[in-house]
Amino acid sequence: MAARPTRATLWPEPHYADSSGNTSYTKDAVENKLKKAVCDGAVSLADARNAIITNCTTAVCSLGLS
């Protein structure tokens, strides 16, 4: 959801679980839900960006999406 991908915003994400049990697939699912919500007009791009920057594990819930 970056405006324009750059070296600073792109990096390889490991598929193994971190200490919270999240993987890159977890973040991918959140990003896809947010992208769909923005495209459907359910949420603004600014709100989606802010939610994922604040905490990608709670971004969907914080915007009232499921």
Protein backbone atom coordinates (compact mmCIF):
# COMPACT_ATOMS: atom_id res chain seq x y z
CA MET A 1 0.00 0.00 0.00
CA ALA A 2 3.01 2.21 -0.32
CA ALA A 3 2.60 5.10 -2.73
CA ARG A 4 5.70 4.05 -4.61
CA PRO A 5 7.89 1.10 -3.59
CA THR A 6 11.48 2.08 -2.88
CA ARG A 7 14.52 0.31 -1.46
CA ALA A 8 13.58 1.75 1.92
CA THR A 9 10.09 0.20 1.86
CA LEU A 10 10.89 -3.17 0.28
CA TRP A 11 12.66 -6.00 2.05
CA PRO A 12 12.38 -9.78 2.10
CA GLU A 13 9.93 -11.04 4.69
CA PRO A 14 10.67 -14.43 6.24
CA HIS A 15 8.02 -17.12 6.02
CA TYR A 16 9.00 -18.57 9.41
CA ALA A 17 7.07 -17.45 12.50
CA ASP A 18 8.35 -14.63 14.67
CA SER A 19 8.09 -14.59 18.46
CA SER A 20 4.37 -13.72 18.18
CA GLY A 21 3.69 -16.60 15.80
CA ASN A 22 3.16 -14.29 12.82
CA THR A 23 4.65 -14.98 9.41
CA SER A 24 4.86 -12.99 6.20
CA TYR A 25 1.64 -14.75 5.21
CA THR A 26 -0.09 -13.14 8.20
CA LYS A 27 0.92 -9.66 7.03
CA ASP A 28 0.00 -10.52 3.43
CA ALA A 29 -3.53 -11.42 4.54
CA VAL A 30 -3.89 -8.10 6.39
CA GLU A 31 -2.55 -6.15 3.40
CA ASN A 32 -4.97 -7.93 1.05
CA LYS A 33 -7.98 -7.22 3.31
CA LEU A 34 -7.00 -3.56 3.57
CA LYS A 35 -6.47 -3.30 -0.19
CA LYS A 36 -9.92 -4.77 -0.83
CA ALA A 37 -11.52 -2.43 1.72
CA VAL A 38 -9.86 0.61 0.11
CA CYS A 39 -10.84 -0.46 -3.41
CA ASP A 40 -14.43 -1.15 -2.26
CA GLY A 41 -14.59 2.32 -0.68
CA ALA A 42 -15.13 0.89 2.80
CA VAL A 43 -12.08 2.66 4.20
CA SER A 44 -9.88 5.52 3.04
CA LEU A 45 -6.34 4.88 1.85
CA ALA A 46 -5.02 7.22 4.56
CA ASP A 47 -6.85 5.30 7.29
CA ALA A 48 -5.65 1.94 5.96
CA ARG A 49 -2.05 3.15 5.80
CA ASN A 50 -2.24 4.58 9.31
CA ALA A 51 -3.72 1.36 10.70
CA ILE A 52 -1.05 -0.89 9.21
CA ILE A 53 1.76 1.47 10.23
CA THR A 54 0.43 1.64 13.78
CA ASN A 55 0.10 -2.13 14.22
CA CYS A 56 -0.29 -4.54 11.32
CA THR A 57 -1.64 -7.28 13.61
CA THR A 58 -4.62 -5.15 14.70
CA ALA A 59 -5.09 -3.04 11.54
CA VAL A 60 -8.14 -4.92 10.26
CA CYS A 61 -9.94 -4.89 13.62
CA SER A 62 -9.09 -1.26 14.35
CA LEU A 63 -10.89 -0.26 11.15
CA GLY A 64 -13.95 -2.36 11.96
CA LEU A 65 -13.24 -4.89 9.22
CA SER A 66 -13.36 -8.64 9.63
